[in-house]
């Protein structure tokens, strides 16, 4: 059984919601800073899945050999804090491909407040951890072009 797609894809971005549960918070009742990385990952993963790119299919060799996305760099600005029961919106903008690096701009908001602004760069690797170019079919599915 597979889980339903999560979120909504627009022309140049994707949004999904996350509810804050007790397990996401630290002793002070706010979301632990490392949990935002999970929320950002969920946003990127659901975005590419809804565009037709499934991690399991990538690993099975859909694009010629087993491949995976690996985070190369993250820049995160923490602008506010989420609390238990907050409903957050994770927004992931279409990636920009430069060479081997695919960069996504992401944000996490609560109501109208931006809590997190992030720039996440991922690379495509094979099972040996070696970087690979993005195949044309993958670029097409993701709506990106090599520059």
C-alpha atoms as a PDB file:
ATOM      1  CA  UNK A   1       0.000   0.000   0.000  1.00  0.00           C
ATOM      2  CA  UNK A   2       1.310   3.455  -0.818  1.00  0.00           C
ATOM      3  CA  UNK A   3       0.562   6.680   0.977  1.00  0.00           C
ATOM      4  CA  UNK A   4      -1.401   9.341  -0.891  1.00  0.00           C
ATOM      5  CA  UNK A   5       0.450  12.256  -2.387  1.00  0.00           C
ATOM      6  CA  UNK A   6       0.850  15.053   0.085  1.00  0.00           C
ATOM      7  CA  UNK A   7       0.434  18.689  -0.770  1.00  0.00           C
ATOM      8  CA  UNK A   8      -0.310  20.601  -3.919  1.00  0.00           C
ATOM      9  CA  UNK A   9       1.836  21.400  -6.948  1.00  0.00           C
ATOM     10  CA  UNK A  10       1.531  24.831  -8.538  1.00  0.00           C
ATOM     11  CA  UNK A  11       3.303  26.156 -11.648  1.00  0.00           C
ATOM     12  CA  UNK A  12       6.656  26.831  -9.962  1.00  0.00           C
ATOM     13  CA  UNK A  13       6.315  25.435  -6.441  1.00  0.00           C
ATOM     14  CA  UNK A  14       4.751  22.917  -4.090  1.00  0.00           C
ATOM     15  CA  UNK A  15       3.122  23.335  -0.691  1.00  0.00           C
ATOM     16  CA  UNK A  16       2.295  20.850   2.035  1.00  0.00           C
ATOM     17  CA  UNK A  17       1.224  21.178   5.645  1.00  0.00           C
ATOM     18  CA  UNK A  18       2.764  19.766   8.789  1.00  0.00           C
ATOM     19  CA  UNK A  19       1.159  19.773  12.217  1.00  0.00           C
ATOM     20  CA  UNK A  20       3.466  20.219  15.188  1.00  0.00           C
ATOM     21  CA  UNK A  21       3.216  17.336  17.655  1.00  0.00           C
ATOM     22  CA  UNK A  22       4.772  16.924  21.085  1.00  0.00           C
ATOM     23  CA  UNK A  23       7.559  14.774  19.606  1.00  0.00           C
ATOM     24  CA  UNK A  24       8.725  17.770  17.529  1.00  0.00           C
ATOM     25  CA  UNK A  25       9.253  20.055  20.521  1.00  0.00           C
ATOM     26  CA  UNK A  26      12.041  20.533  23.017  1.00  0.00           C
ATOM     27  CA  UNK A  27      11.779  21.100  26.759  1.00  0.00           C
ATOM     28  CA  UNK A  28      10.710  24.731  26.227  1.00  0.00           C
ATOM     29  CA  UNK A  29       7.678  23.768  24.129  1.00  0.00           C
ATOM     30  CA  UNK A  30       8.957  25.047  20.790  1.00  0.00           C
ATOM     31  CA  UNK A  31       9.968  22.985  17.776  1.00  0.00           C
ATOM     32  CA  UNK A  32      13.530  21.712  18.159  1.00  0.00           C
ATOM     33  CA  UNK A  33      15.670  23.348  15.468  1.00  0.00           C
ATOM     34  CA  UNK A  34      16.731  20.036  13.904  1.00  0.00           C
ATOM     35  CA  UNK A  35      13.104  19.036  13.273  1.00  0.00           C
ATOM     36  CA  UNK A  36      12.793  21.765  10.659  1.00  0.00           C
ATOM     37  CA  UNK A  37      15.247  19.735   8.553  1.00  0.00           C
ATOM     38  CA  UNK A  38      12.698  16.891   8.563  1.00  0.00           C
ATOM     39  CA  UNK A  39       9.919  19.247   7.489  1.00  0.00           C
ATOM     40  CA  UNK A  40      12.083  20.624   4.659  1.00  0.00           C
ATOM     41  CA  UNK A  41      12.940  17.078   3.542  1.00  0.00           C
ATOM     42  CA  UNK A  42       9.257  16.136   3.523  1.00  0.00           C
ATOM     43  CA  UNK A  43       8.562  19.155   1.326  1.00  0.00           C
ATOM     44  CA  UNK A  44      11.273  18.321  -1.213  1.00  0.00           C
ATOM     45  CA  UNK A  45      10.428  14.605  -1.266  1.00  0.00           C
ATOM     46  CA  UNK A  46       6.708  15.148  -1.752  1.00  0.00           C
ATOM     47  CA  UNK A  47       7.338  17.785  -4.430  1.00  0.00           C
ATOM     48  CA  UNK A  48       9.491  15.508  -6.583  1.00  0.00           C
ATOM     49  CA  UNK A  49       7.149  12.560  -5.943  1.00  0.00           C
ATOM     50  CA  UNK A  50       4.174  14.573  -7.153  1.00  0.00           C
ATOM     51  CA  UNK A  51       6.186  15.454 -10.271  1.00  0.00           C
ATOM     52  CA  UNK A  52       6.572  11.720 -10.965  1.00  0.00           C
ATOM     53  CA  UNK A  53       9.989  11.072  -9.427  1.00  0.00           C
ATOM     54  CA  UNK A  54       9.867   8.352  -6.761  1.00  0.00           C
ATOM     55  CA  UNK A  55      12.933   7.635  -4.629  1.00  0.00           C
ATOM     56  CA  UNK A  56      12.321   3.884  -4.766  1.00  0.00           C
ATOM     57  CA  UNK A  57      12.204   3.949  -8.575  1.00  0.00           C
ATOM     58  CA  UNK A  58      15.407   5.998  -8.687  1.00  0.00           C
ATOM     59  CA  UNK A  59      17.095   3.408  -6.470  1.00  0.00           C
ATOM     60  CA  UNK A  60      15.787   0.623  -8.726  1.00  0.00           C
ATOM     61  CA  UNK A  61      17.549   2.157 -11.739  1.00  0.00           C
ATOM     62  CA  UNK A  62      14.717   3.980 -13.485  1.00  0.00           C
ATOM     63  CA  UNK A  63      17.204   6.492 -14.923  1.00  0.00           C
ATOM     64  CA  UNK A  64      19.792   3.959 -16.111  1.00  0.00           C
ATOM     65  CA  UNK A  65      21.479   3.120 -12.804  1.00  0.00           C
ATOM     66  CA  UNK A  66      20.522   3.281  -9.113  1.00  0.00           C
ATOM     67  CA  UNK A  67      20.525   6.958  -8.095  1.00  0.00           C
ATOM     68  CA  UNK A  68      19.660   9.066  -5.070  1.00  0.00           C
ATOM     69  CA  UNK A  69      19.538  12.715  -4.068  1.00  0.00           C
ATOM     70  CA  UNK A  70      22.098  13.737  -1.441  1.00  0.00           C
ATOM     71  CA  UNK A  71      22.134  17.070   0.371  1.00  0.00           C
ATOM     72  CA  UNK A  72      25.290  18.979  -0.514  1.00  0.00           C
ATOM     73  CA  UNK A  73      24.612  22.274   1.268  1.00  0.00           C
ATOM     74  CA  UNK A  74      21.953  23.906   3.443  1.00  0.00           C
ATOM     75  CA  UNK A  75      21.554  27.560   4.347  1.00  0.00           C
ATOM     76  CA  UNK A  76      18.849  28.144   6.940  1.00  0.00           C
ATOM     77  CA  UNK A  77      17.615  31.355   8.512  1.00  0.00           C
ATOM     78  CA  UNK A  78      15.591  30.745  11.664  1.00  0.00           C
ATOM     79  CA  UNK A  79      13.184  33.690  11.898  1.00  0.00           C
ATOM     80  CA  UNK A  80      10.624  32.422  14.397  1.00  0.00           C
ATOM     81  CA  UNK A  81       9.511  29.416  16.400  1.00  0.00           C
ATOM     82  CA  UNK A  82       6.640  26.982  15.967  1.00  0.00           C
ATOM     83  CA  UNK A  83       4.793  25.521  18.934  1.00  0.00           C
ATOM     84  CA  UNK A  84       2.729  22.438  19.630  1.00  0.00           C
ATOM     85  CA  UNK A  85      -0.477  22.184  17.534  1.00  0.00           C
ATOM     86  CA  UNK A  86       0.684  24.841  15.049  1.00  0.00           C
ATOM     87  CA  UNK A  87      -0.079  24.018  11.434  1.00  0.00           C
ATOM     88  CA  UNK A  88       2.908  24.839   9.260  1.00  0.00           C
ATOM     89  CA  UNK A  89       3.091  25.312   5.509  1.00  0.00           C
ATOM     90  CA  UNK A  90       6.243  24.040   3.822  1.00  0.00           C
ATOM     91  CA  UNK A  91       6.810  25.652   0.421  1.00  0.00           C
ATOM     92  CA  UNK A  92       9.365  24.279  -2.029  1.00  0.00           C
ATOM     93  CA  UNK A  93      10.153  26.245  -5.185  1.00  0.00           C
ATOM     94  CA  UNK A  94      11.212  24.608  -8.444  1.00  0.00           C
ATOM     95  CA  UNK A  95      14.887  23.741  -8.382  1.00  0.00           C
ATOM     96  CA  UNK A  96      17.602  25.486 -10.367  1.00  0.00           C
ATOM     97  CA  UNK A  97      20.233  23.215 -11.916  1.00  0.00           C
ATOM     98  CA  UNK A  98      23.809  24.452 -12.303  1.00  0.00           C
ATOM     99  CA  UNK A  99      26.244  21.756 -13.324  1.00  0.00           C
ATOM    100  CA  UNK A 100      25.763  18.867 -10.915  1.00  0.00           C
ATOM    101  CA  UNK A 101      23.966  20.916  -8.245  1.00  0.00           C
ATOM    102  CA  UNK A 102      20.211  21.325  -7.947  1.00  0.00           C
ATOM    103  CA  UNK A 103      19.202  24.154  -5.611  1.00  0.00           C
ATOM    104  CA  UNK A 104      15.770  24.534  -4.018  1.00  0.00           C
ATOM    105  CA  UNK A 105      14.458  27.581  -2.147  1.00  0.00           C
ATOM    106  CA  UNK A 106      12.169  26.560   0.695  1.00  0.00           C
ATOM    107  CA  UNK A 107      10.232  28.230   3.475  1.00  0.00           C
ATOM    108  CA  UNK A 108       8.194  27.203   6.479  1.00  0.00           C
ATOM    109  CA  UNK A 109       5.396  29.507   7.550  1.00  0.00           C
ATOM    110  CA  UNK A 110       2.796  29.549  10.299  1.00  0.00           C
ATOM    111  CA  UNK A 111      -0.221  31.625   9.355  1.00  0.00           C
ATOM    112  CA  UNK A 112       1.426  34.648   7.723  1.00  0.00           C
ATOM    113  CA  UNK A 113       4.716  34.445   9.616  1.00  0.00           C
ATOM    114  CA  UNK A 114       7.862  33.118   7.934  1.00  0.00           C
ATOM    115  CA  UNK A 115       9.600  30.885  10.488  1.00  0.00           C
ATOM    116  CA  UNK A 116      12.266  29.341   8.249  1.00  0.00           C
ATOM    117  CA  UNK A 117      13.895  30.467   5.002  1.00  0.00           C
ATOM    118  CA  UNK A 118      16.198  27.877   3.464  1.00  0.00           C
ATOM    119  CA  UNK A 119      18.296  27.243   0.387  1.00  0.00           C
ATOM    120  CA  UNK A 120      19.031  23.545  -0.079  1.00  0.00           C
ATOM    121  CA  UNK A 121      21.430  22.197  -2.694  1.00  0.00           C
ATOM    122  CA  UNK A 122      21.289  18.525  -3.630  1.00  0.00           C
ATOM    123  CA  UNK A 123      23.425  16.399  -5.914  1.00  0.00           C
ATOM    124  CA  UNK A 124      22.611  13.170  -7.663  1.00  0.00           C
ATOM    125  CA  UNK A 125      24.777  10.215  -6.615  1.00  0.00           C
ATOM    126  CA  UNK A 126      25.066   6.529  -7.461  1.00  0.00           C
ATOM    127  CA  UNK A 127      25.302   3.740  -4.881  1.00  0.00           C
ATOM    128  CA  UNK A 128      29.057   4.258  -4.587  1.00  0.00           C
ATOM    129  CA  UNK A 129      28.446   7.891  -3.628  1.00  0.00           C
ATOM    130  CA  UNK A 130      29.830   9.262  -6.890  1.00  0.00           C
ATOM    131  CA  UNK A 131      28.136  12.338  -8.362  1.00  0.00           C
ATOM    132  CA  UNK A 132      26.142  11.923 -11.545  1.00  0.00           C
ATOM    133  CA  UNK A 133      24.678  14.328 -14.090  1.00  0.00           C
ATOM    134  CA  UNK A 134      20.919  14.712 -14.097  1.00  0.00           C
ATOM    135  CA  UNK A 135      19.515  12.552 -16.930  1.00  0.00           C
ATOM    136  CA  UNK A 136      17.358  14.386 -19.497  1.00  0.00           C
ATOM    137  CA  UNK A 137      14.222  12.462 -18.438  1.00  0.00           C
ATOM    138  CA  UNK A 138      14.737  13.448 -14.797  1.00  0.00           C
ATOM    139  CA  UNK A 139      15.306  17.090 -15.772  1.00  0.00           C
ATOM    140  CA  UNK A 140      12.099  17.031 -17.791  1.00  0.00           C
ATOM    141  CA  UNK A 141      10.047  15.545 -14.940  1.00  0.00           C
ATOM    142  CA  UNK A 142      11.434  18.108 -12.480  1.00  0.00           C
ATOM    143  CA  UNK A 143      10.847  20.965 -14.915  1.00  0.00           C
ATOM    144  CA  UNK A 144      14.502  22.022 -14.783  1.00  0.00           C
ATOM    145  CA  UNK A 145      17.117  22.768 -17.404  1.00  0.00           C
ATOM    146  CA  UNK A 146      20.854  22.425 -17.170  1.00  0.00           C
ATOM    147  CA  UNK A 147      22.697  25.731 -17.299  1.00  0.00           C
END
